[in-house]
Structures are given as structure tokens and as C-alpha cells.
C-alpha atoms as a PDB file:
ATOM      1  CA  MET A   1     -22.596   2.923  -5.465  1.00  0.00           C
ATOM      2  CA  ALA A   2     -20.149   0.294  -6.727  1.00  0.00           C
ATOM      3  CA  GLY A   3     -17.312  -0.484  -4.365  1.00  0.00           C
ATOM      4  CA  SER A   4     -18.893   1.363  -1.448  1.00  0.00           C
ATOM      5  CA  ASP A   5     -18.654  -1.781   0.723  1.00  0.00           C
ATOM      6  CA  TYR A   6     -14.956  -0.999   1.033  1.00  0.00           C
ATOM      7  CA  TYR A   7     -15.888   2.192   2.865  1.00  0.00           C
ATOM      8  CA  SER A   8     -18.517   0.641   5.103  1.00  0.00           C
ATOM      9  CA  ASP A   9     -17.430   2.846   8.012  1.00  0.00           C
ATOM     10  CA  THR A  10     -18.131   6.015   6.004  1.00  0.00           C
ATOM     11  CA  ASP A  11     -21.523   7.700   6.103  1.00  0.00           C
ATOM     12  CA  PRO A  12     -23.089   7.243   2.626  1.00  0.00           C
ATOM     13  CA  SER A  13     -23.844  10.962   2.263  1.00  0.00           C
ATOM     14  CA  ALA A  14     -20.250  11.850   3.132  1.00  0.00           C
ATOM     15  CA  MET A  15     -19.042   9.276   0.636  1.00  0.00           C
ATOM     16  CA  GLU A  16     -21.229  10.783  -2.061  1.00  0.00           C
ATOM     17  CA  VAL A  17     -19.713  14.226  -1.424  1.00  0.00           C
ATOM     18  CA  TRP A  18     -16.214  12.754  -1.632  1.00  0.00           C
ATOM     19  CA  VAL A  19     -16.989  10.922  -4.893  1.00  0.00           C
ATOM     20  CA  LYS A  20     -18.472  14.064  -6.491  1.00  0.00           C
ATOM     21  CA  HIS A  21     -15.433  16.083  -5.431  1.00  0.00           C
ATOM     22  CA  PHE A  22     -13.063  13.414  -6.760  1.00  0.00           C
ATOM     23  CA  ARG A  23     -14.854  13.222 -10.109  1.00  0.00           C
ATOM     24  CA  LYS A  24     -14.563  17.000 -10.579  1.00  0.00           C
ATOM     25  CA  MET A  25     -10.860  16.952  -9.777  1.00  0.00           C
ATOM     26  CA  ASP A  26      -8.284  17.526 -12.482  1.00  0.00           C
ATOM     27  CA  PRO A  27      -6.964  14.143 -13.749  1.00  0.00           C
ATOM     28  CA  VAL A  28      -3.371  15.155 -13.058  1.00  0.00           C
ATOM     29  CA  ARG A  29      -4.271  15.938  -9.449  1.00  0.00           C
ATOM     30  CA  ARG A  30      -6.012  12.573  -9.116  1.00  0.00           C
ATOM     31  CA  VAL A  31      -2.840  10.820 -10.245  1.00  0.00           C
ATOM     32  CA  GLN A  32      -0.794  12.914  -7.801  1.00  0.00           C
ATOM     33  CA  LEU A  33      -3.095  11.901  -4.958  1.00  0.00           C
ATOM     34  CA  ALA A  34      -2.894   8.239  -5.958  1.00  0.00           C
ATOM     35  CA  LEU A  35       0.905   8.393  -5.967  1.00  0.00           C
ATOM     36  CA  GLU A  36       0.963  10.172  -2.619  1.00  0.00           C
ATOM     37  CA  HIS A  37      -1.360   7.527  -1.205  1.00  0.00           C
ATOM     38  CA  SER A  38       0.898   4.756  -2.501  1.00  0.00           C
ATOM     39  CA  GLU A  39       3.997   6.420  -1.061  1.00  0.00           C
ATOM     40  CA  THR A  40       2.318   6.819   2.316  1.00  0.00           C
ATOM     41  CA  ARG A  41       1.175   3.205   2.278  1.00  0.00           C
ATOM     42  CA  PHE A  42       4.707   1.961   1.524  1.00  0.00           C
ATOM     43  CA  LYS A  43       6.118   4.112   4.330  1.00  0.00           C
ATOM     44  CA  LEU A  44       3.589   2.690   6.776  1.00  0.00           C
ATOM     45  CA  VAL A  45       4.437  -0.865   5.712  1.00  0.00           C
ATOM     46  CA  GLU A  46       8.136  -0.069   6.111  1.00  0.00           C
ATOM     47  CA  LEU A  47       7.540   1.286   9.613  1.00  0.00           C
ATOM     48  CA  ASN A  48       5.607  -1.858  10.472  1.00  0.00           C
ATOM     49  CA  VAL A  49       8.462  -4.050   9.205  1.00  0.00           C
ATOM     50  CA  ARG A  50      11.056  -2.032  11.101  1.00  0.00           C
ATOM     51  CA  GLU A  51       8.994  -2.385  14.272  1.00  0.00           C
ATOM     52  CA  ALA A  52       8.596  -6.141  13.800  1.00  0.00           C
ATOM     53  CA  TYR A  53      12.271  -6.658  12.879  1.00  0.00           C
ATOM     54  CA  PRO A  54      14.240  -3.960  14.747  1.00  0.00           C
ATOM     55  CA  GLN A  55      17.607  -5.602  13.995  1.00  0.00           C
ATOM     56  CA  ALA A  56      16.962  -5.830  10.250  1.00  0.00           C
ATOM     57  CA  ARG A  57      19.284  -3.940   7.956  1.00  0.00           C
ATOM     58  CA  ASP A  58      17.934  -1.758   5.168  1.00  0.00           C
ATOM     59  CA  ARG A  59      18.176  -4.509   2.521  1.00  0.00           C
ATOM     60  CA  GLU A  60      16.171  -6.943   4.631  1.00  0.00           C
ATOM     61  CA  VAL A  61      13.573  -4.260   5.339  1.00  0.00           C
ATOM     62  CA  PHE A  62      13.314  -3.602   1.607  1.00  0.00           C
ATOM     63  CA  LEU A  63      12.831  -7.310   0.891  1.00  0.00           C
ATOM     64  CA  ARG A  64      10.230  -7.732   3.617  1.00  0.00           C
ATOM     65  CA  VAL A  65       8.280  -4.714   2.350  1.00  0.00           C
ATOM     66  CA  ALA A  66       8.453  -6.044  -1.207  1.00  0.00           C
ATOM     67  CA  ALA A  67       7.282  -9.457   0.018  1.00  0.00           C
ATOM     68  CA  ARG A  68       4.098  -7.840   1.296  1.00  0.00           C
ATOM     69  CA  HIS A  69       3.310  -6.642  -2.216  1.00  0.00           C
ATOM     70  CA  LEU A  70       4.585  -9.486  -4.403  1.00  0.00           C
ATOM     71  CA  THR A  71       3.916 -13.201  -4.572  1.00  0.00           C
ATOM     72  CA  ARG A  72       6.457 -15.676  -3.276  1.00  0.00           C
ATOM     73  CA  ASP A  73       7.377 -16.676  -6.832  1.00  0.00           C
ATOM     74  CA  GLN A  74       7.851 -13.030  -7.813  1.00  0.00           C
ATOM     75  CA  MET A  75      10.108 -12.457  -4.802  1.00  0.00           C
ATOM     76  CA  ILE A  76      12.240 -15.469  -5.623  1.00  0.00           C
ATOM     77  CA  GLY A  77      12.401 -14.565  -9.309  1.00  0.00           C
ATOM     78  CA  ALA A  78      13.141 -10.883  -8.838  1.00  0.00           C
ATOM     79  CA  TYR A  79      15.302 -10.917  -5.707  1.00  0.00           C
ATOM     80  CA  GLY A  80      16.302 -14.529  -5.095  1.00  0.00           C
ATOM     81  CA  TRP A  81      14.677 -14.188  -1.661  1.00  0.00           C
ATOM     82  CA  ASP A  82      12.153 -16.685  -0.360  1.00  0.00           C
ATOM     83  CA  PRO A  83       9.889 -15.067   2.249  1.00  0.00           C
ATOM     84  CA  GLU A  84       8.948 -18.508   3.591  1.00  0.00           C
ATOM     85  CA  LEU A  85      12.567 -19.051   4.636  1.00  0.00           C
ATOM     86  CA  HIS A  86      12.607 -15.752   6.527  1.00  0.00           C
ATOM     87  CA  PRO A  87       9.513 -15.669   8.767  1.00  0.00           C
END
């Protein structure tokens, strides 16, 4: 199965059941799940940033979260914030 290396900790038979279930799922529901997954991931990254930088204000937290998803050039271009200057 293509991409199954990503789930190397998952039993192959369990993965096959999950894939079959996912393929049968309504496309709208699949998009909903993808969006929920993305939202959860961003919240976890935000929690990680807040833990690493407890004194950071909301704007700095936002920038640090964004910097984990964008390139340095994108951060500078979009927000005028250089992550290399704010380790």
C-alpha cells in the first residue's frame, strides 16, 4: 500500500480496515475530518509554543506557530518577522 511507511507503527491489517472505511466515507465527511485534523494539529503546535515561550503574547505565539508551517522567506514576506532573529 502506497504511503504505508508513514504508519509503520500500525498493524497492516488494521490499516487496511481503516483505508477501506475511509474510501467508503462520504467525500464531505472526509473533508470535515481533514479540517478537524488540521485544527487539532494547529492547537497542539500552539500549546507547544506557549509551553516553550510562557511569556509570549498572543501575537508572538501566532507568529511562532506560523513559522512552523511557513518558510523563513514566507514569514518575512507575509509578516515582516524573521524567525531566525527570534530563536
